[in-house]
Amino acid sequence: LAEIFWYVLPEYRKTRAGILLFKL
C-alpha cells in the first residue's frame, strides 16, 4: 500500500488526526 498524498490541516497537526490516519 503506497502513500500518494497525506495532508492534515495545520491547526490539527499536534492532535490525534495524523496518527489515526497512519494507524488505519
PDBML (XML) file of the C-alpha atoms, coordinates in Angstrom:
<?xml version="1.0" encoding="UTF-8" ?>
<PDBx:datablock datablockName="MODEL"
   xmlns:PDBx="http://pdbml.pdb.org/schema/pdbx-v50.xsd"
   xmlns:xsi="http://www.w3.org/2001/XMLSchema-instance"
   xsi:schemaLocation="http://pdbml.pdb.org/schema/pdbx-v50.xsd pdbx-v50.xsd">
   <PDBx:atom_siteCategory>
      <PDBx:atom_site id="1">
         <PDBx:B_iso_or_equiv>0.00</PDBx:B_iso_or_equiv>
         <PDBx:Cartn_x>0.000</PDBx:Cartn_x>
         <PDBx:Cartn_y>0.000</PDBx:Cartn_y>
         <PDBx:Cartn_z>0.000</PDBx:Cartn_z>
         <PDBx:auth_asym_id>A</PDBx:auth_asym_id>
         <PDBx:auth_atom_id>CA</PDBx:auth_atom_id>
         <PDBx:auth_comp_id>LEU</PDBx:auth_comp_id>
         <PDBx:auth_seq_id>1</PDBx:auth_seq_id>
         <PDBx:group_PDB>ATOM</PDBx:group_PDB>
         <PDBx:label_alt_id xsi:nil="true" />
         <PDBx:label_asym_id>A</PDBx:label_asym_id>
         <PDBx:label_atom_id>CA</PDBx:label_atom_id>
         <PDBx:label_comp_id>LEU</PDBx:label_comp_id>
         <PDBx:label_entity_id>1</PDBx:label_entity_id>
         <PDBx:label_seq_id>1</PDBx:label_seq_id>
         <PDBx:occupancy>1.00</PDBx:occupancy>
         <PDBx:pdbx_PDB_model_num>1</PDBx:pdbx_PDB_model_num>
         <PDBx:type_symbol>C</PDBx:type_symbol>
      </PDBx:atom_site>
      <PDBx:atom_site id="2">
         <PDBx:B_iso_or_equiv>0.00</PDBx:B_iso_or_equiv>
         <PDBx:Cartn_x>1.796</PDBx:Cartn_x>
         <PDBx:Cartn_y>3.112</PDBx:Cartn_y>
         <PDBx:Cartn_z>-1.252</PDBx:Cartn_z>
         <PDBx:auth_asym_id>A</PDBx:auth_asym_id>
         <PDBx:auth_atom_id>CA</PDBx:auth_atom_id>
         <PDBx:auth_comp_id>ALA</PDBx:auth_comp_id>
         <PDBx:auth_seq_id>2</PDBx:auth_seq_id>
         <PDBx:group_PDB>ATOM</PDBx:group_PDB>
         <PDBx:label_alt_id xsi:nil="true" />
         <PDBx:label_asym_id>A</PDBx:label_asym_id>
         <PDBx:label_atom_id>CA</PDBx:label_atom_id>
         <PDBx:label_comp_id>ALA</PDBx:label_comp_id>
         <PDBx:label_entity_id>1</PDBx:label_entity_id>
         <PDBx:label_seq_id>2</PDBx:label_seq_id>
         <PDBx:occupancy>1.00</PDBx:occupancy>
         <PDBx:pdbx_PDB_model_num>1</PDBx:pdbx_PDB_model_num>
         <PDBx:type_symbol>C</PDBx:type_symbol>
      </PDBx:atom_site>
      <PDBx:atom_site id="3">
         <PDBx:B_iso_or_equiv>0.00</PDBx:B_iso_or_equiv>
         <PDBx:Cartn_x>1.030</PDBx:Cartn_x>
         <PDBx:Cartn_y>6.569</PDBx:Cartn_y>
         <PDBx:Cartn_z>0.124</PDBx:Cartn_z>
         <PDBx:auth_asym_id>A</PDBx:auth_asym_id>
         <PDBx:auth_atom_id>CA</PDBx:auth_atom_id>
         <PDBx:auth_comp_id>GLU</PDBx:auth_comp_id>
         <PDBx:auth_seq_id>3</PDBx:auth_seq_id>
         <PDBx:group_PDB>ATOM</PDBx:group_PDB>
         <PDBx:label_alt_id xsi:nil="true" />
         <PDBx:label_asym_id>A</PDBx:label_asym_id>
         <PDBx:label_atom_id>CA</PDBx:label_atom_id>
         <PDBx:label_comp_id>GLU</PDBx:label_comp_id>
         <PDBx:label_entity_id>1</PDBx:label_entity_id>
         <PDBx:label_seq_id>3</PDBx:label_seq_id>
         <PDBx:occupancy>1.00</PDBx:occupancy>
         <PDBx:pdbx_PDB_model_num>1</PDBx:pdbx_PDB_model_num>
         <PDBx:type_symbol>C</PDBx:type_symbol>
      </PDBx:atom_site>
      <PDBx:atom_site id="4">
         <PDBx:B_iso_or_equiv>0.00</PDBx:B_iso_or_equiv>
         <PDBx:Cartn_x>0.219</PDBx:Cartn_x>
         <PDBx:Cartn_y>9.073</PDBx:Cartn_y>
         <PDBx:Cartn_z>-2.616</PDBx:Cartn_z>
         <PDBx:auth_asym_id>A</PDBx:auth_asym_id>
         <PDBx:auth_atom_id>CA</PDBx:auth_atom_id>
         <PDBx:auth_comp_id>ILE</PDBx:auth_comp_id>
         <PDBx:auth_seq_id>4</PDBx:auth_seq_id>
         <PDBx:group_PDB>ATOM</PDBx:group_PDB>
         <PDBx:label_alt_id xsi:nil="true" />
         <PDBx:label_asym_id>A</PDBx:label_asym_id>
         <PDBx:label_atom_id>CA</PDBx:label_atom_id>
         <PDBx:label_comp_id>ILE</PDBx:label_comp_id>
         <PDBx:label_entity_id>1</PDBx:label_entity_id>
         <PDBx:label_seq_id>4</PDBx:label_seq_id>
         <PDBx:occupancy>1.00</PDBx:occupancy>
         <PDBx:pdbx_PDB_model_num>1</PDBx:pdbx_PDB_model_num>
         <PDBx:type_symbol>C</PDBx:type_symbol>
      </PDBx:atom_site>
      <PDBx:atom_site id="5">
         <PDBx:B_iso_or_equiv>0.00</PDBx:B_iso_or_equiv>
         <PDBx:Cartn_x>-0.896</PDBx:Cartn_x>
         <PDBx:Cartn_y>12.073</PDBx:Cartn_y>
         <PDBx:Cartn_z>-0.589</PDBx:Cartn_z>
         <PDBx:auth_asym_id>A</PDBx:auth_asym_id>
         <PDBx:auth_atom_id>CA</PDBx:auth_atom_id>
         <PDBx:auth_comp_id>PHE</PDBx:auth_comp_id>
         <PDBx:auth_seq_id>5</PDBx:auth_seq_id>
         <PDBx:group_PDB>ATOM</PDBx:group_PDB>
         <PDBx:label_alt_id xsi:nil="true" />
         <PDBx:label_asym_id>A</PDBx:label_asym_id>
         <PDBx:label_atom_id>CA</PDBx:label_atom_id>
         <PDBx:label_comp_id>PHE</PDBx:label_comp_id>
         <PDBx:label_entity_id>1</PDBx:label_entity_id>
         <PDBx:label_seq_id>5</PDBx:label_seq_id>
         <PDBx:occupancy>1.00</PDBx:occupancy>
         <PDBx:pdbx_PDB_model_num>1</PDBx:pdbx_PDB_model_num>
         <PDBx:type_symbol>C</PDBx:type_symbol>
      </PDBx:atom_site>
      <PDBx:atom_site id="6">
         <PDBx:B_iso_or_equiv>0.00</PDBx:B_iso_or_equiv>
         <PDBx:Cartn_x>-1.098</PDBx:Cartn_x>
         <PDBx:Cartn_y>12.885</PDBx:Cartn_y>
         <PDBx:Cartn_z>3.099</PDBx:Cartn_z>
         <PDBx:auth_asym_id>A</PDBx:auth_asym_id>
         <PDBx:auth_atom_id>CA</PDBx:auth_atom_id>
         <PDBx:auth_comp_id>TRP</PDBx:auth_comp_id>
         <PDBx:auth_seq_id>6</PDBx:auth_seq_id>
         <PDBx:group_PDB>ATOM</PDBx:group_PDB>
         <PDBx:label_alt_id xsi:nil="true" />
         <PDBx:label_asym_id>A</PDBx:label_asym_id>
         <PDBx:label_atom_id>CA</PDBx:label_atom_id>
         <PDBx:label_comp_id>TRP</PDBx:label_comp_id>
         <PDBx:label_entity_id>1</PDBx:label_entity_id>
         <PDBx:label_seq_id>6</PDBx:label_seq_id>
         <PDBx:occupancy>1.00</PDBx:occupancy>
         <PDBx:pdbx_PDB_model_num>1</PDBx:pdbx_PDB_model_num>
         <PDBx:type_symbol>C</PDBx:type_symbol>
      </PDBx:atom_site>
      <PDBx:atom_site id="7">
         <PDBx:B_iso_or_equiv>0.00</PDBx:B_iso_or_equiv>
         <PDBx:Cartn_x>-2.330</PDBx:Cartn_x>
         <PDBx:Cartn_y>16.177</PDBx:Cartn_y>
         <PDBx:Cartn_z>4.472</PDBx:Cartn_z>
         <PDBx:auth_asym_id>A</PDBx:auth_asym_id>
         <PDBx:auth_atom_id>CA</PDBx:auth_atom_id>
         <PDBx:auth_comp_id>TYR</PDBx:auth_comp_id>
         <PDBx:auth_seq_id>7</PDBx:auth_seq_id>
         <PDBx:group_PDB>ATOM</PDBx:group_PDB>
         <PDBx:label_alt_id xsi:nil="true" />
         <PDBx:label_asym_id>A</PDBx:label_asym_id>
         <PDBx:label_atom_id>CA</PDBx:label_atom_id>
         <PDBx:label_comp_id>TYR</PDBx:label_comp_id>
         <PDBx:label_entity_id>1</PDBx:label_entity_id>
         <PDBx:label_seq_id>7</PDBx:label_seq_id>
         <PDBx:occupancy>1.00</PDBx:occupancy>
         <PDBx:pdbx_PDB_model_num>1</PDBx:pdbx_PDB_model_num>
         <PDBx:type_symbol>C</PDBx:type_symbol>
      </PDBx:atom_site>
      <PDBx:atom_site id="8">
         <PDBx:B_iso_or_equiv>0.00</PDBx:B_iso_or_equiv>
         <PDBx:Cartn_x>-3.573</PDBx:Cartn_x>
         <PDBx:Cartn_y>17.390</PDBx:Cartn_y>
         <PDBx:Cartn_z>7.855</PDBx:Cartn_z>
         <PDBx:auth_asym_id>A</PDBx:auth_asym_id>
         <PDBx:auth_atom_id>CA</PDBx:auth_atom_id>
         <PDBx:auth_comp_id>VAL</PDBx:auth_comp_id>
         <PDBx:auth_seq_id>8</PDBx:auth_seq_id>
         <PDBx:group_PDB>ATOM</PDBx:group_PDB>
         <PDBx:label_alt_id xsi:nil="true" />
         <PDBx:label_asym_id>A</PDBx:label_asym_id>
         <PDBx:label_atom_id>CA</PDBx:label_atom_id>
         <PDBx:label_comp_id>VAL</PDBx:label_comp_id>
         <PDBx:label_entity_id>1</PDBx:label_entity_id>
         <PDBx:label_seq_id>8</PDBx:label_seq_id>
         <PDBx:occupancy>1.00</PDBx:occupancy>
         <PDBx:pdbx_PDB_model_num>1</PDBx:pdbx_PDB_model_num>
         <PDBx:type_symbol>C</PDBx:type_symbol>
      </PDBx:atom_site>
      <PDBx:atom_site id="9">
         <PDBx:B_iso_or_equiv>0.00</PDBx:B_iso_or_equiv>
         <PDBx:Cartn_x>-4.774</PDBx:Cartn_x>
         <PDBx:Cartn_y>20.949</PDBx:Cartn_y>
         <PDBx:Cartn_z>8.342</PDBx:Cartn_z>
         <PDBx:auth_asym_id>A</PDBx:auth_asym_id>
         <PDBx:auth_atom_id>CA</PDBx:auth_atom_id>
         <PDBx:auth_comp_id>LEU</PDBx:auth_comp_id>
         <PDBx:auth_seq_id>9</PDBx:auth_seq_id>
         <PDBx:group_PDB>ATOM</PDBx:group_PDB>
         <PDBx:label_alt_id xsi:nil="true" />
         <PDBx:label_asym_id>A</PDBx:label_asym_id>
         <PDBx:label_atom_id>CA</PDBx:label_atom_id>
         <PDBx:label_comp_id>LEU</PDBx:label_comp_id>
         <PDBx:label_entity_id>1</PDBx:label_entity_id>
         <PDBx:label_seq_id>9</PDBx:label_seq_id>
         <PDBx:occupancy>1.00</PDBx:occupancy>
         <PDBx:pdbx_PDB_model_num>1</PDBx:pdbx_PDB_model_num>
         <PDBx:type_symbol>C</PDBx:type_symbol>
      </PDBx:atom_site>
      <PDBx:atom_site id="10">
         <PDBx:B_iso_or_equiv>0.00</PDBx:B_iso_or_equiv>
         <PDBx:Cartn_x>-2.013</PDBx:Cartn_x>
         <PDBx:Cartn_y>22.868</PDBx:Cartn_y>
         <PDBx:Cartn_z>10.173</PDBx:Cartn_z>
         <PDBx:auth_asym_id>A</PDBx:auth_asym_id>
         <PDBx:auth_atom_id>CA</PDBx:auth_atom_id>
         <PDBx:auth_comp_id>PRO</PDBx:auth_comp_id>
         <PDBx:auth_seq_id>10</PDBx:auth_seq_id>
         <PDBx:group_PDB>ATOM</PDBx:group_PDB>
         <PDBx:label_alt_id xsi:nil="true" />
         <PDBx:label_asym_id>A</PDBx:label_asym_id>
         <PDBx:label_atom_id>CA</PDBx:label_atom_id>
         <PDBx:label_comp_id>PRO</PDBx:label_comp_id>
         <PDBx:label_entity_id>1</PDBx:label_entity_id>
         <PDBx:label_seq_id>10</PDBx:label_seq_id>
         <PDBx:occupancy>1.00</PDBx:occupancy>
         <PDBx:pdbx_PDB_model_num>1</PDBx:pdbx_PDB_model_num>
         <PDBx:type_symbol>C</PDBx:type_symbol>
      </PDBx:atom_site>
      <PDBx:atom_site id="11">
         <PDBx:B_iso_or_equiv>0.00</PDBx:B_iso_or_equiv>
         <PDBx:Cartn_x>-4.142</PDBx:Cartn_x>
         <PDBx:Cartn_y>23.593</PDBx:Cartn_y>
         <PDBx:Cartn_z>13.236</PDBx:Cartn_z>
         <PDBx:auth_asym_id>A</PDBx:auth_asym_id>
         <PDBx:auth_atom_id>CA</PDBx:auth_atom_id>
         <PDBx:auth_comp_id>GLU</PDBx:auth_comp_id>
         <PDBx:auth_seq_id>11</PDBx:auth_seq_id>
         <PDBx:group_PDB>ATOM</PDBx:group_PDB>
         <PDBx:label_alt_id xsi:nil="true" />
         <PDBx:label_asym_id>A</PDBx:label_asym_id>
         <PDBx:label_atom_id>CA</PDBx:label_atom_id>
         <PDBx:label_comp_id>GLU</PDBx:label_comp_id>
         <PDBx:label_entity_id>1</PDBx:label_entity_id>
         <PDBx:label_seq_id>11</PDBx:label_seq_id>
         <PDBx:occupancy>1.00</PDBx:occupancy>
         <PDBx:pdbx_PDB_model_num>1</PDBx:pdbx_PDB_model_num>
         <PDBx:type_symbol>C</PDBx:type_symbol>
      </PDBx:atom_site>
      <PDBx:atom_site id="12">
         <PDBx:B_iso_or_equiv>0.00</PDBx:B_iso_or_equiv>
         <PDBx:Cartn_x>-4.704</PDBx:Cartn_x>
         <PDBx:Cartn_y>19.833</PDBx:Cartn_y>
         <PDBx:Cartn_z>13.746</PDBx:Cartn_z>
         <PDBx:auth_asym_id>A</PDBx:auth_asym_id>
         <PDBx:auth_atom_id>CA</PDBx:auth_atom_id>
         <PDBx:auth_comp_id>TYR</PDBx:auth_comp_id>
         <PDBx:auth_seq_id>12</PDBx:auth_seq_id>
         <PDBx:group_PDB>ATOM</PDBx:group_PDB>
         <PDBx:label_alt_id xsi:nil="true" />
         <PDBx:label_asym_id>A</PDBx:label_asym_id>
         <PDBx:label_atom_id>CA</PDBx:label_atom_id>
         <PDBx:label_comp_id>TYR</PDBx:label_comp_id>
         <PDBx:label_entity_id>1</PDBx:label_entity_id>
         <PDBx:label_seq_id>12</PDBx:label_seq_id>
         <PDBx:occupancy>1.00</PDBx:occupancy>
         <PDBx:pdbx_PDB_model_num>1</PDBx:pdbx_PDB_model_num>
         <PDBx:type_symbol>C</PDBx:type_symbol>
      </PDBx:atom_site>
      <PDBx:atom_site id="13">
         <PDBx:B_iso_or_equiv>0.00</PDBx:B_iso_or_equiv>
         <PDBx:Cartn_x>-1.124</PDBx:Cartn_x>
         <PDBx:Cartn_y>18.606</PDBx:Cartn_y>
         <PDBx:Cartn_z>13.335</PDBx:Cartn_z>
         <PDBx:auth_asym_id>A</PDBx:auth_asym_id>
         <PDBx:auth_atom_id>CA</PDBx:auth_atom_id>
         <PDBx:auth_comp_id>ARG</PDBx:auth_comp_id>
         <PDBx:auth_seq_id>13</PDBx:auth_seq_id>
         <PDBx:group_PDB>ATOM</PDBx:group_PDB>
         <PDBx:label_alt_id xsi:nil="true" />
         <PDBx:label_asym_id>A</PDBx:label_asym_id>
         <PDBx:label_atom_id>CA</PDBx:label_atom_id>
         <PDBx:label_comp_id>ARG</PDBx:label_comp_id>
         <PDBx:label_entity_id>1</PDBx:label_entity_id>
         <PDBx:label_seq_id>13</PDBx:label_seq_id>
         <PDBx:occupancy>1.00</PDBx:occupancy>
         <PDBx:pdbx_PDB_model_num>1</PDBx:pdbx_PDB_model_num>
         <PDBx:type_symbol>C</PDBx:type_symbol>
      </PDBx:atom_site>
      <PDBx:atom_site id="14">
         <PDBx:B_iso_or_equiv>0.00</PDBx:B_iso_or_equiv>
         <PDBx:Cartn_x>-0.384</PDBx:Cartn_x>
         <PDBx:Cartn_y>18.213</PDBx:Cartn_y>
         <PDBx:Cartn_z>17.022</PDBx:Cartn_z>
         <PDBx:auth_asym_id>A</PDBx:auth_asym_id>
         <PDBx:auth_atom_id>CA</PDBx:auth_atom_id>
         <PDBx:auth_comp_id>LYS</PDBx:auth_comp_id>
         <PDBx:auth_seq_id>14</PDBx:auth_seq_id>
         <PDBx:group_PDB>ATOM</PDBx:group_PDB>
         <PDBx:label_alt_id xsi:nil="true" />
         <PDBx:label_asym_id>A</PDBx:label_asym_id>
         <PDBx:label_atom_id>CA</PDBx:label_atom_id>
         <PDBx:label_comp_id>LYS</PDBx:label_comp_id>
         <PDBx:label_entity_id>1</PDBx:label_entity_id>
         <PDBx:label_seq_id>14</PDBx:label_seq_id>
         <PDBx:occupancy>1.00</PDBx:occupancy>
         <PDBx:pdbx_PDB_model_num>1</PDBx:pdbx_PDB_model_num>
         <PDBx:type_symbol>C</PDBx:type_symbol>
      </PDBx:atom_site>
      <PDBx:atom_site id="15">
         <PDBx:B_iso_or_equiv>0.00</PDBx:B_iso_or_equiv>
         <PDBx:Cartn_x>-3.552</PDBx:Cartn_x>
         <PDBx:Cartn_y>16.214</PDBx:Cartn_y>
         <PDBx:Cartn_z>17.634</PDBx:Cartn_z>
         <PDBx:auth_asym_id>A</PDBx:auth_asym_id>
         <PDBx:auth_atom_id>CA</PDBx:auth_atom_id>
         <PDBx:auth_comp_id>THR</PDBx:auth_comp_id>
         <PDBx:auth_seq_id>15</PDBx:auth_seq_id>
         <PDBx:group_PDB>ATOM</PDBx:group_PDB>
         <PDBx:label_alt_id xsi:nil="true" />
         <PDBx:label_asym_id>A</PDBx:label_asym_id>
         <PDBx:label_atom_id>CA</PDBx:label_atom_id>
         <PDBx:label_comp_id>THR</PDBx:label_comp_id>
         <PDBx:label_entity_id>1</PDBx:label_entity_id>
         <PDBx:label_seq_id>15</PDBx:label_seq_id>
         <PDBx:occupancy>1.00</PDBx:occupancy>
         <PDBx:pdbx_PDB_model_num>1</PDBx:pdbx_PDB_model_num>
         <PDBx:type_symbol>C</PDBx:type_symbol>
      </PDBx:atom_site>
      <PDBx:atom_site id="16">
         <PDBx:B_iso_or_equiv>0.00</PDBx:B_iso_or_equiv>
         <PDBx:Cartn_x>-4.516</PDBx:Cartn_x>
         <PDBx:Cartn_y>12.568</PDBx:Cartn_y>
         <PDBx:Cartn_z>17.115</PDBx:Cartn_z>
         <PDBx:auth_asym_id>A</PDBx:auth_asym_id>
         <PDBx:auth_atom_id>CA</PDBx:auth_atom_id>
         <PDBx:auth_comp_id>ARG</PDBx:auth_comp_id>
         <PDBx:auth_seq_id>16</PDBx:auth_seq_id>
         <PDBx:group_PDB>ATOM</PDBx:group_PDB>
         <PDBx:label_alt_id xsi:nil="true" />
         <PDBx:label_asym_id>A</PDBx:label_asym_id>
         <PDBx:label_atom_id>CA</PDBx:label_atom_id>
         <PDBx:label_comp_id>ARG</PDBx:label_comp_id>
         <PDBx:label_entity_id>1</PDBx:label_entity_id>
         <PDBx:label_seq_id>16</PDBx:label_seq_id>
         <PDBx:occupancy>1.00</PDBx:occupancy>
         <PDBx:pdbx_PDB_model_num>1</PDBx:pdbx_PDB_model_num>
         <PDBx:type_symbol>C</PDBx:type_symbol>
      </PDBx:atom_site>
      <PDBx:atom_site id="17">
         <PDBx:B_iso_or_equiv>0.00</PDBx:B_iso_or_equiv>
         <PDBx:Cartn_x>-5.594</PDBx:Cartn_x>
         <PDBx:Cartn_y>13.153</PDBx:Cartn_y>
         <PDBx:Cartn_z>13.498</PDBx:Cartn_z>
         <PDBx:auth_asym_id>A</PDBx:auth_asym_id>
         <PDBx:auth_atom_id>CA</PDBx:auth_atom_id>
         <PDBx:auth_comp_id>ALA</PDBx:auth_comp_id>
         <PDBx:auth_seq_id>17</PDBx:auth_seq_id>
         <PDBx:group_PDB>ATOM</PDBx:group_PDB>
         <PDBx:label_alt_id xsi:nil="true" />
         <PDBx:label_asym_id>A</PDBx:label_asym_id>
         <PDBx:label_atom_id>CA</PDBx:label_atom_id>
         <PDBx:label_comp_id>ALA</PDBx:label_comp_id>
         <PDBx:label_entity_id>1</PDBx:label_entity_id>
         <PDBx:label_seq_id>17</PDBx:label_seq_id>
         <PDBx:occupancy>1.00</PDBx:occupancy>
         <PDBx:pdbx_PDB_model_num>1</PDBx:pdbx_PDB_model_num>
         <PDBx:type_symbol>C</PDBx:type_symbol>
      </PDBx:atom_site>
      <PDBx:atom_site id="18">
         <PDBx:B_iso_or_equiv>0.00</PDBx:B_iso_or_equiv>
         <PDBx:Cartn_x>-2.299</PDBx:Cartn_x>
         <PDBx:Cartn_y>12.172</PDBx:Cartn_y>
         <PDBx:Cartn_z>11.861</PDBx:Cartn_z>
         <PDBx:auth_asym_id>A</PDBx:auth_asym_id>
         <PDBx:auth_atom_id>CA</PDBx:auth_atom_id>
         <PDBx:auth_comp_id>GLY</PDBx:auth_comp_id>
         <PDBx:auth_seq_id>18</PDBx:auth_seq_id>
         <PDBx:group_PDB>ATOM</PDBx:group_PDB>
         <PDBx:label_alt_id xsi:nil="true" />
         <PDBx:label_asym_id>A</PDBx:label_asym_id>
         <PDBx:label_atom_id>CA</PDBx:label_atom_id>
         <PDBx:label_comp_id>GLY</PDBx:label_comp_id>
         <PDBx:label_entity_id>1</PDBx:label_entity_id>
         <PDBx:label_seq_id>18</PDBx:label_seq_id>
         <PDBx:occupancy>1.00</PDBx:occupancy>
         <PDBx:pdbx_PDB_model_num>1</PDBx:pdbx_PDB_model_num>
         <PDBx:type_symbol>C</PDBx:type_symbol>
      </PDBx:atom_site>
      <PDBx:atom_site id="19">
         <PDBx:B_iso_or_equiv>0.00</PDBx:B_iso_or_equiv>
         <PDBx:Cartn_x>-1.677</PDBx:Cartn_x>
         <PDBx:Cartn_y>9.086</PDBx:Cartn_y>
         <PDBx:Cartn_z>13.977</PDBx:Cartn_z>
         <PDBx:auth_asym_id>A</PDBx:auth_asym_id>
         <PDBx:auth_atom_id>CA</PDBx:auth_atom_id>
         <PDBx:auth_comp_id>ILE</PDBx:auth_comp_id>
         <PDBx:auth_seq_id>19</PDBx:auth_seq_id>
         <PDBx:group_PDB>ATOM</PDBx:group_PDB>
         <PDBx:label_alt_id xsi:nil="true" />
         <PDBx:label_asym_id>A</PDBx:label_asym_id>
         <PDBx:label_atom_id>CA</PDBx:label_atom_id>
         <PDBx:label_comp_id>ILE</PDBx:label_comp_id>
         <PDBx:label_entity_id>1</PDBx:label_entity_id>
         <PDBx:label_seq_id>19</PDBx:label_seq_id>
         <PDBx:occupancy>1.00</PDBx:occupancy>
         <PDBx:pdbx_PDB_model_num>1</PDBx:pdbx_PDB_model_num>
         <PDBx:type_symbol>C</PDBx:type_symbol>
      </PDBx:atom_site>
      <PDBx:atom_site id="20">
         <PDBx:B_iso_or_equiv>0.00</PDBx:B_iso_or_equiv>
         <PDBx:Cartn_x>-5.229</PDBx:Cartn_x>
         <PDBx:Cartn_y>7.873</PDBx:Cartn_y>
         <PDBx:Cartn_z>13.436</PDBx:Cartn_z>
         <PDBx:auth_asym_id>A</PDBx:auth_asym_id>
         <PDBx:auth_atom_id>CA</PDBx:auth_atom_id>
         <PDBx:auth_comp_id>LEU</PDBx:auth_comp_id>
         <PDBx:auth_seq_id>20</PDBx:auth_seq_id>
         <PDBx:group_PDB>ATOM</PDBx:group_PDB>
         <PDBx:label_alt_id xsi:nil="true" />
         <PDBx:label_asym_id>A</PDBx:label_asym_id>
         <PDBx:label_atom_id>CA</PDBx:label_atom_id>
         <PDBx:label_comp_id>LEU</PDBx:label_comp_id>
         <PDBx:label_entity_id>1</PDBx:label_entity_id>
         <PDBx:label_seq_id>20</PDBx:label_seq_id>
         <PDBx:occupancy>1.00</PDBx:occupancy>
         <PDBx:pdbx_PDB_model_num>1</PDBx:pdbx_PDB_model_num>
         <PDBx:type_symbol>C</PDBx:type_symbol>
      </PDBx:atom_site>
      <PDBx:atom_site id="21">
         <PDBx:B_iso_or_equiv>0.00</PDBx:B_iso_or_equiv>
         <PDBx:Cartn_x>-4.730</PDBx:Cartn_x>
         <PDBx:Cartn_y>8.176</PDBx:Cartn_y>
         <PDBx:Cartn_z>9.676</PDBx:Cartn_z>
         <PDBx:auth_asym_id>A</PDBx:auth_asym_id>
         <PDBx:auth_atom_id>CA</PDBx:auth_atom_id>
         <PDBx:auth_comp_id>LEU</PDBx:auth_comp_id>
         <PDBx:auth_seq_id>21</PDBx:auth_seq_id>
         <PDBx:group_PDB>ATOM</PDBx:group_PDB>
         <PDBx:label_alt_id xsi:nil="true" />
         <PDBx:label_asym_id>A</PDBx:label_asym_id>
         <PDBx:label_atom_id>CA</PDBx:label_atom_id>
         <PDBx:label_comp_id>LEU</PDBx:label_comp_id>
         <PDBx:label_entity_id>1</PDBx:label_entity_id>
         <PDBx:label_seq_id>21</PDBx:label_seq_id>
         <PDBx:occupancy>1.00</PDBx:occupancy>
         <PDBx:pdbx_PDB_model_num>1</PDBx:pdbx_PDB_model_num>
         <PDBx:type_symbol>C</PDBx:type_symbol>
      </PDBx:atom_site>
      <PDBx:atom_site id="22">
         <PDBx:B_iso_or_equiv>0.00</PDBx:B_iso_or_equiv>
         <PDBx:Cartn_x>-1.456</PDBx:Cartn_x>
         <PDBx:Cartn_y>6.280</PDBx:Cartn_y>
         <PDBx:Cartn_z>9.894</PDBx:Cartn_z>
         <PDBx:auth_asym_id>A</PDBx:auth_asym_id>
         <PDBx:auth_atom_id>CA</PDBx:auth_atom_id>
         <PDBx:auth_comp_id>PHE</PDBx:auth_comp_id>
         <PDBx:auth_seq_id>22</PDBx:auth_seq_id>
         <PDBx:group_PDB>ATOM</PDBx:group_PDB>
         <PDBx:label_alt_id xsi:nil="true" />
         <PDBx:label_asym_id>A</PDBx:label_asym_id>
         <PDBx:label_atom_id>CA</PDBx:label_atom_id>
         <PDBx:label_comp_id>PHE</PDBx:label_comp_id>
         <PDBx:label_entity_id>1</PDBx:label_entity_id>
         <PDBx:label_seq_id>22</PDBx:label_seq_id>
         <PDBx:occupancy>1.00</PDBx:occupancy>
         <PDBx:pdbx_PDB_model_num>1</PDBx:pdbx_PDB_model_num>
         <PDBx:type_symbol>C</PDBx:type_symbol>
      </PDBx:atom_site>
      <PDBx:atom_site id="23">
         <PDBx:B_iso_or_equiv>0.00</PDBx:B_iso_or_equiv>
         <PDBx:Cartn_x>-2.938</PDBx:Cartn_x>
         <PDBx:Cartn_y>3.513</PDBx:Cartn_y>
         <PDBx:Cartn_z>12.048</PDBx:Cartn_z>
         <PDBx:auth_asym_id>A</PDBx:auth_asym_id>
         <PDBx:auth_atom_id>CA</PDBx:auth_atom_id>
         <PDBx:auth_comp_id>LYS</PDBx:auth_comp_id>
         <PDBx:auth_seq_id>23</PDBx:auth_seq_id>
         <PDBx:group_PDB>ATOM</PDBx:group_PDB>
         <PDBx:label_alt_id xsi:nil="true" />
         <PDBx:label_asym_id>A</PDBx:label_asym_id>
         <PDBx:label_atom_id>CA</PDBx:label_atom_id>
         <PDBx:label_comp_id>LYS</PDBx:label_comp_id>
         <PDBx:label_entity_id>1</PDBx:label_entity_id>
         <PDBx:label_seq_id>23</PDBx:label_seq_id>
         <PDBx:occupancy>1.00</PDBx:occupancy>
         <PDBx:pdbx_PDB_model_num>1</PDBx:pdbx_PDB_model_num>
         <PDBx:type_symbol>C</PDBx:type_symbol>
      </PDBx:atom_site>
      <PDBx:atom_site id="24">
         <PDBx:B_iso_or_equiv>0.00</PDBx:B_iso_or_equiv>
         <PDBx:Cartn_x>-5.792</PDBx:Cartn_x>
         <PDBx:Cartn_y>2.986</PDBx:Cartn_y>
         <PDBx:Cartn_z>9.584</PDBx:Cartn_z>
         <PDBx:auth_asym_id>A</PDBx:auth_asym_id>
         <PDBx:auth_atom_id>CA</PDBx:auth_atom_id>
         <PDBx:auth_comp_id>LEU</PDBx:auth_comp_id>
         <PDBx:auth_seq_id>24</PDBx:auth_seq_id>
         <PDBx:group_PDB>ATOM</PDBx:group_PDB>
         <PDBx:label_alt_id xsi:nil="true" />
         <PDBx:label_asym_id>A</PDBx:label_asym_id>
         <PDBx:label_atom_id>CA</PDBx:label_atom_id>
         <PDBx:label_comp_id>LEU</PDBx:label_comp_id>
         <PDBx:label_entity_id>1</PDBx:label_entity_id>
         <PDBx:label_seq_id>24</PDBx:label_seq_id>
         <PDBx:occupancy>1.00</PDBx:occupancy>
         <PDBx:pdbx_PDB_model_num>1</PDBx:pdbx_PDB_model_num>
         <PDBx:type_symbol>C</PDBx:type_symbol>
      </PDBx:atom_site>
   </PDBx:atom_siteCategory>
</PDBx:datablock>
